[in-house]
Amino acid sequence: MFNSKGKQAKKEIEALFNDIQINLENNYKDLAIGARKKAEERLKSMEASGELKDKDYKKLKATLDDYTKRMEGYHH
């Protein structure tokens, strides 16, 4: 099997991104903030443990940065 851990890790992060997107679409700002934070923490831990290739990490990090930018005005 070719890097099934990497595929599994990408799917997990993409599911977390989906949670962010759904919460943004429904205007659930607090839930979107929490989902973004959870995705950020999980992405960092995956990078540190080597679960993601550098190329995949950079792509996912860019997506997370886009969500962060969209949520700049959100506060608890």
N, C-alpha and C. Protein backbone atom coordinates (compact mmCIF):
# COMPACT_ATOMS: atom_id res chain seq x y z
N MET A 1 0.84 -1.18 0.00
CA MET A 1 0.00 0.00 0.00
C MET A 1 0.88 1.24 0.00
N PHE A 2 0.48 2.18 -0.80
CA PHE A 2 1.26 3.39 -0.95
C PHE A 2 0.74 4.49 -0.03
N ASN A 3 1.47 4.72 1.04
CA ASN A 3 1.21 5.83 1.95
C ASN A 3 -0.26 5.94 2.35
N SER A 4 -0.85 4.84 2.80
CA SER A 4 -2.25 4.88 3.21
C SER A 4 -2.45 5.77 4.43
N LYS A 5 -1.40 5.89 5.25
CA LYS A 5 -1.48 6.81 6.40
C LYS A 5 -1.68 8.24 5.92
N GLY A 6 -0.97 8.61 4.87
CA GLY A 6 -1.09 9.96 4.33
C GLY A 6 -2.48 10.23 3.78
N LYS A 7 -3.05 9.25 3.09
CA LYS A 7 -4.40 9.42 2.56
C LYS A 7 -5.41 9.54 3.69
N GLN A 8 -5.23 8.72 4.71
CA GLN A 8 -6.13 8.77 5.85
C GLN A 8 -6.02 10.11 6.58
N ALA A 9 -4.80 10.61 6.72
CA ALA A 9 -4.58 11.90 7.37
C ALA A 9 -5.24 13.03 6.57
N LYS A 10 -5.07 13.00 5.25
CA LYS A 10 -5.68 14.02 4.40
C LYS A 10 -7.20 13.99 4.52
N LYS A 11 -7.77 12.79 4.54
CA LYS A 11 -9.23 12.68 4.67
C LYS A 11 -9.70 13.24 6.01
N GLU A 12 -8.93 12.99 7.06
CA GLU A 12 -9.30 13.51 8.38
C GLU A 12 -9.29 15.04 8.39
N ILE A 13 -8.25 15.63 7.84
CA ILE A 13 -8.16 17.10 7.78
C ILE A 13 -9.27 17.66 6.90
N GLU A 14 -9.54 17.03 5.78
CA GLU A 14 -10.59 17.51 4.89
C GLU A 14 -11.96 17.44 5.55
N ALA A 15 -12.17 16.44 6.40
CA ALA A 15 -13.42 16.35 7.17
C ALA A 15 -13.52 17.52 8.15
N LEU A 16 -12.40 17.86 8.77
CA LEU A 16 -12.38 19.01 9.68
C LEU A 16 -12.65 20.31 8.92
N PHE A 17 -12.08 20.43 7.71
CA PHE A 17 -12.35 21.61 6.88
C PHE A 17 -13.83 21.67 6.51
N ASN A 18 -14.42 20.51 6.26
CA ASN A 18 -15.85 20.46 5.93
C ASN A 18 -16.68 20.98 7.10
N ASP A 19 -16.27 20.64 8.33
CA ASP A 19 -16.97 21.16 9.51
C ASP A 19 -16.89 22.68 9.56
N ILE A 20 -15.72 23.22 9.25
CA ILE A 20 -15.57 24.68 9.23
C ILE A 20 -16.52 25.28 8.20
N GLN A 21 -16.51 24.71 7.00
CA GLN A 21 -17.33 25.24 5.90
C GLN A 21 -18.82 25.21 6.25
N ILE A 22 -19.27 24.10 6.79
CA ILE A 22 -20.69 23.98 7.15
C ILE A 22 -21.06 25.02 8.21
N ASN A 23 -20.20 25.19 9.20
CA ASN A 23 -20.49 26.17 10.25
C ASN A 23 -20.48 27.60 9.71
N LEU A 24 -19.59 27.89 8.77
CA LEU A 24 -19.58 29.21 8.15
C LEU A 24 -20.85 29.45 7.34
N GLU A 25 -21.25 28.44 6.59
CA GLU A 25 -22.45 28.58 5.76
C GLU A 25 -23.70 28.80 6.61
N ASN A 26 -23.72 28.20 7.79
CA ASN A 26 -24.87 28.34 8.67
C ASN A 26 -24.73 29.51 9.65
N ASN A 27 -23.66 30.27 9.49
CA ASN A 27 -23.39 31.44 10.32
C ASN A 27 -23.22 31.09 11.81
N TYR A 28 -22.67 29.90 12.07
CA TYR A 28 -22.35 29.49 13.43
C TYR A 28 -20.91 29.87 13.71
N LYS A 29 -20.69 31.12 14.06
CA LYS A 29 -19.33 31.64 14.19
C LYS A 29 -18.53 30.95 15.28
N ASP A 30 -19.11 30.74 16.45
CA ASP A 30 -18.37 30.09 17.53
C ASP A 30 -17.97 28.67 17.16
N LEU A 31 -18.88 27.94 16.52
CA LEU A 31 -18.56 26.58 16.10
C LEU A 31 -17.50 26.57 14.99
N ALA A 32 -17.57 27.55 14.10
CA ALA A 32 -16.57 27.65 13.04
C ALA A 32 -15.20 27.95 13.62
N ILE A 33 -15.14 28.82 14.61
CA ILE A 33 -13.87 29.15 15.27
C ILE A 33 -13.30 27.90 15.95
N GLY A 34 -14.15 27.15 16.64
CA GLY A 34 -13.70 25.93 17.30
C GLY A 34 -13.23 24.88 16.32
N ALA A 35 -13.94 24.74 15.22
CA ALA A 35 -13.56 23.76 14.20
C ALA A 35 -12.23 24.15 13.54
N ARG A 36 -12.03 25.45 13.31
CA ARG A 36 -10.78 25.90 12.72
C ARG A 36 -9.61 25.63 13.66
N LYS A 37 -9.81 25.90 14.93
CA LYS A 37 -8.76 25.66 15.92
C LYS A 37 -8.41 24.17 16.00
N LYS A 38 -9.43 23.34 15.99
CA LYS A 38 -9.22 21.88 16.03
C LYS A 38 -8.45 21.42 14.79
N ALA A 39 -8.82 21.95 13.63
CA ALA A 39 -8.14 21.58 12.38
C ALA A 39 -6.68 22.04 12.42
N GLU A 40 -6.46 23.24 12.94
CA GLU A 40 -5.10 23.77 13.02
C GLU A 40 -4.23 22.90 13.93
N GLU A 41 -4.76 22.53 15.08
CA GLU A 41 -4.00 21.69 16.01
C GLU A 41 -3.70 20.32 15.42
N ARG A 42 -4.69 19.75 14.75
CA ARG A 42 -4.51 18.41 14.17
C ARG A 42 -3.51 18.47 13.02
N LEU A 43 -3.57 19.51 12.21
CA LEU A 43 -2.64 19.66 11.10
C LEU A 43 -1.21 19.78 11.61
N LYS A 44 -1.02 20.56 12.67
CA LYS A 44 0.32 20.69 13.26
C LYS A 44 0.83 19.36 13.79
N SER A 45 -0.04 18.60 14.45
CA SER A 45 0.40 17.32 15.01
C SER A 45 0.72 16.32 13.90
N MET A 46 -0.03 16.38 12.81
CA MET A 46 0.25 15.49 11.67
C MET A 46 1.57 15.84 11.01
N GLU A 47 1.87 17.12 10.93
CA GLU A 47 3.15 17.54 10.35
C GLU A 47 4.29 17.06 11.25
N ALA A 48 4.15 17.25 12.55
CA ALA A 48 5.20 16.88 13.49
C ALA A 48 5.45 15.38 13.50
N SER A 49 4.39 14.60 13.34
CA SER A 49 4.54 13.14 13.40
C SER A 49 4.92 12.54 12.05
N GLY A 50 4.90 13.35 10.99
CA GLY A 50 5.27 12.86 9.67
C GLY A 50 4.15 12.12 8.95
N GLU A 51 2.92 12.28 9.41
CA GLU A 51 1.79 11.61 8.77
C GLU A 51 1.50 12.19 7.38
N LEU A 52 1.87 13.44 7.17
CA LEU A 52 1.62 14.10 5.89
C LEU A 52 2.93 14.38 5.17
N LYS A 53 2.88 14.25 3.85
CA LYS A 53 4.02 14.68 3.04
C LYS A 53 4.09 16.20 3.09
N ASP A 54 5.26 16.74 2.87
CA ASP A 54 5.45 18.19 2.91
C ASP A 54 4.54 18.89 1.91
N LYS A 55 4.41 18.32 0.72
CA LYS A 55 3.57 18.91 -0.33
C LYS A 55 2.11 18.96 0.13
N ASP A 56 1.64 17.86 0.71
CA ASP A 56 0.25 17.82 1.19
C ASP A 56 0.05 18.79 2.34
N TYR A 57 1.03 18.86 3.24
CA TYR A 57 0.92 19.78 4.37
C TYR A 57 0.79 21.22 3.87
N LYS A 58 1.63 21.61 2.92
CA LYS A 58 1.59 22.98 2.42
C LYS A 58 0.24 23.30 1.78
N LYS A 59 -0.30 22.36 1.05
CA LYS A 59 -1.59 22.57 0.39
C LYS A 59 -2.70 22.71 1.43
N LEU A 60 -2.71 21.83 2.42
CA LEU A 60 -3.73 21.88 3.46
C LEU A 60 -3.56 23.13 4.34
N LYS A 61 -2.33 23.51 4.59
CA LYS A 61 -2.06 24.72 5.39
C LYS A 61 -2.57 25.95 4.65
N ALA A 62 -2.42 25.98 3.34
CA ALA A 62 -2.93 27.11 2.54
C ALA A 62 -4.45 27.19 2.64
N THR A 63 -5.11 26.05 2.61
CA THR A 63 -6.56 26.02 2.76
C THR A 63 -6.97 26.53 4.13
N LEU A 64 -6.26 26.08 5.16
CA LEU A 64 -6.54 26.54 6.53
C LEU A 64 -6.31 28.04 6.64
N ASP A 65 -5.26 28.54 6.01
CA ASP A 65 -4.98 29.98 6.03
C ASP A 65 -6.11 30.77 5.36
N ASP A 66 -6.70 30.21 4.29
CA ASP A 66 -7.84 30.86 3.64
C ASP A 66 -9.02 30.97 4.59
N TYR A 67 -9.30 29.89 5.31
CA TYR A 67 -10.39 29.93 6.29
C TYR A 67 -10.08 30.96 7.39
N THR A 68 -8.85 30.97 7.83
CA THR A 68 -8.45 31.92 8.88
C THR A 68 -8.68 33.35 8.40
N LYS A 69 -8.31 33.64 7.16
CA LYS A 69 -8.48 34.98 6.62
C LYS A 69 -9.96 35.35 6.52
N ARG A 70 -10.77 34.39 6.10
CA ARG A 70 -12.22 34.65 5.99
C ARG A 70 -12.85 34.93 7.35
N MET A 71 -12.24 34.41 8.41
CA MET A 71 -12.81 34.51 9.74
C MET A 71 -12.14 35.61 10.59
N GLU A 72 -11.39 36.49 9.97
CA GLU A 72 -10.63 37.51 10.71
C GLU A 72 -11.48 38.33 11.67
N GLY A 73 -12.68 38.69 11.30
CA GLY A 73 -13.51 39.54 12.14
C GLY A 73 -14.32 38.80 13.19
N TYR A 74 -14.16 37.49 13.25
CA TYR A 74 -14.94 36.69 14.21
C TYR A 74 -14.29 36.72 15.57
N HIS A 75 -15.12 36.97 16.59
CA HIS A 75 -14.63 36.96 17.96
C HIS A 75 -15.63 36.22 18.82
N HIS A 76 -15.14 35.68 19.91
CA HIS A 76 -16.04 34.99 20.86
C HIS A 76 -16.85 36.00 21.62
